[in-house]
Amino acid sequence: MNRAERIREIIEDALAPEALEITDDSHQHAGHAGAQPGGETHYTLTVVSPQFEGQSRVMRQRSIYALLTKEFELGLHALSIRALTPGE
């Protein structure tokens, strides 16, 4: 299972999103800090979940970072997050 698949599984299990988009942007960061030859280090994540209702943007992002702690320990370097409620 690659990193994007693991991220998808973690987010789906925890947040039951209505929409989830994961993009591997690693190729755009070749030669930059944290980049690895095999990629899978830089991602963009868009999550639409009713569980974000009543949460600030910062709280939403913190919850996602907490869910992905192990992935960061395993080499995930950067994550751009859009965390939205279904009404947003």
Protein backbone atom coordinates (compact mmCIF):
# COMPACT_ATOMS: atom_id res chain seq x y z
CA MET A 1 0.00 0.00 0.00
CA ASN A 2 1.47 3.39 -0.95
CA ARG A 3 1.30 6.54 1.18
CA ALA A 4 -1.71 8.04 -0.64
CA GLU A 5 -3.66 4.82 -0.05
CA ARG A 6 -2.71 4.83 3.64
CA ILE A 7 -3.73 8.48 3.98
CA ARG A 8 -7.06 7.74 2.28
CA GLU A 9 -7.74 4.82 4.62
CA ILE A 10 -6.88 6.83 7.75
CA ILE A 11 -9.00 9.83 6.74
CA GLU A 12 -11.97 7.74 5.61
CA ASP A 13 -11.96 5.71 8.84
CA ALA A 14 -11.71 8.75 11.11
CA LEU A 15 -13.72 11.44 9.32
CA ALA A 16 -16.20 9.62 7.03
CA PRO A 17 -15.72 12.32 4.40
CA GLU A 18 -18.31 13.15 1.75
CA ALA A 19 -15.43 14.00 -0.57
CA LEU A 20 -11.72 13.29 -0.39
CA GLU A 21 -9.01 14.24 -2.86
CA ILE A 22 -5.35 13.36 -2.37
CA THR A 23 -2.71 14.64 -4.77
CA ASP A 24 0.95 13.64 -4.67
CA ASP A 25 2.87 16.86 -5.42
CA SER A 26 6.29 15.36 -4.70
CA HIS A 27 7.52 15.76 -8.29
CA GLN A 28 7.13 19.55 -7.92
CA HIS A 29 9.52 19.55 -4.95
CA ALA A 30 12.42 17.52 -6.33
CA GLY A 31 15.64 18.85 -4.85
CA HIS A 32 13.84 20.72 -2.05
CA ALA A 33 13.99 19.98 1.66
CA GLY A 34 12.34 16.71 2.58
CA ALA A 35 12.09 15.44 -1.00
CA GLN A 36 13.00 11.80 -1.49
CA PRO A 37 13.95 10.04 -4.75
CA GLY A 38 10.87 7.81 -4.57
CA GLY A 39 8.48 10.70 -3.99
CA GLU A 40 5.52 10.34 -1.61
CA THR A 41 6.73 13.27 0.51
CA HIS A 42 4.56 16.25 -0.49
CA TYR A 43 0.76 16.08 -0.77
CA THR A 44 -2.31 18.25 -1.20
CA LEU A 45 -5.37 17.04 0.67
CA THR A 46 -8.97 18.23 0.30
CA VAL A 47 -11.44 16.76 2.80
CA VAL A 48 -15.16 17.54 3.02
CA SER A 49 -16.64 16.16 6.22
CA PRO A 50 -19.61 17.00 8.44
CA GLN A 51 -17.32 16.33 11.41
CA PHE A 52 -15.71 19.73 10.76
CA GLU A 53 -18.93 21.58 11.65
CA GLY A 54 -18.25 24.13 14.39
CA GLN A 55 -14.47 23.77 14.13
CA SER A 56 -12.08 26.54 13.16
CA ARG A 57 -9.76 26.08 10.19
CA VAL A 58 -6.86 25.57 12.62
CA MET A 59 -8.72 22.88 14.59
CA ARG A 60 -9.57 21.04 11.38
CA GLN A 61 -5.96 21.06 10.24
CA ARG A 62 -4.68 19.99 13.65
CA SER A 63 -7.04 17.03 13.69
CA ILE A 64 -5.78 15.91 10.27
CA TYR A 65 -2.13 16.33 11.28
CA ALA A 66 -2.82 14.28 14.43
CA LEU A 67 -4.39 11.50 12.34
CA LEU A 68 -1.32 11.43 10.10
CA THR A 69 1.38 11.56 12.80
CA LYS A 70 2.73 8.14 11.84
CA GLU A 71 2.95 9.12 8.16
CA PHE A 72 5.05 12.15 9.11
CA GLU A 73 7.30 9.86 11.15
CA LEU A 74 7.63 7.62 8.07
CA GLY A 75 8.72 10.42 5.71
CA LEU A 76 5.72 12.56 4.84
CA HIS A 77 7.31 16.00 4.71
CA ALA A 78 4.63 18.50 3.67
CA LEU A 79 0.86 18.52 3.54
CA SER A 80 -1.34 21.27 2.13
CA ILE A 81 -4.84 20.92 3.60
CA ARG A 82 -8.29 22.16 2.59
CA ALA A 83 -10.71 20.93 5.25
CA LEU A 84 -14.32 21.89 4.58
CA THR A 85 -17.83 21.17 5.82
CA PRO A 86 -20.39 19.97 3.27
CA GLY A 87 -21.96 23.44 3.21
CA GLU A 88 -18.73 25.24 2.41
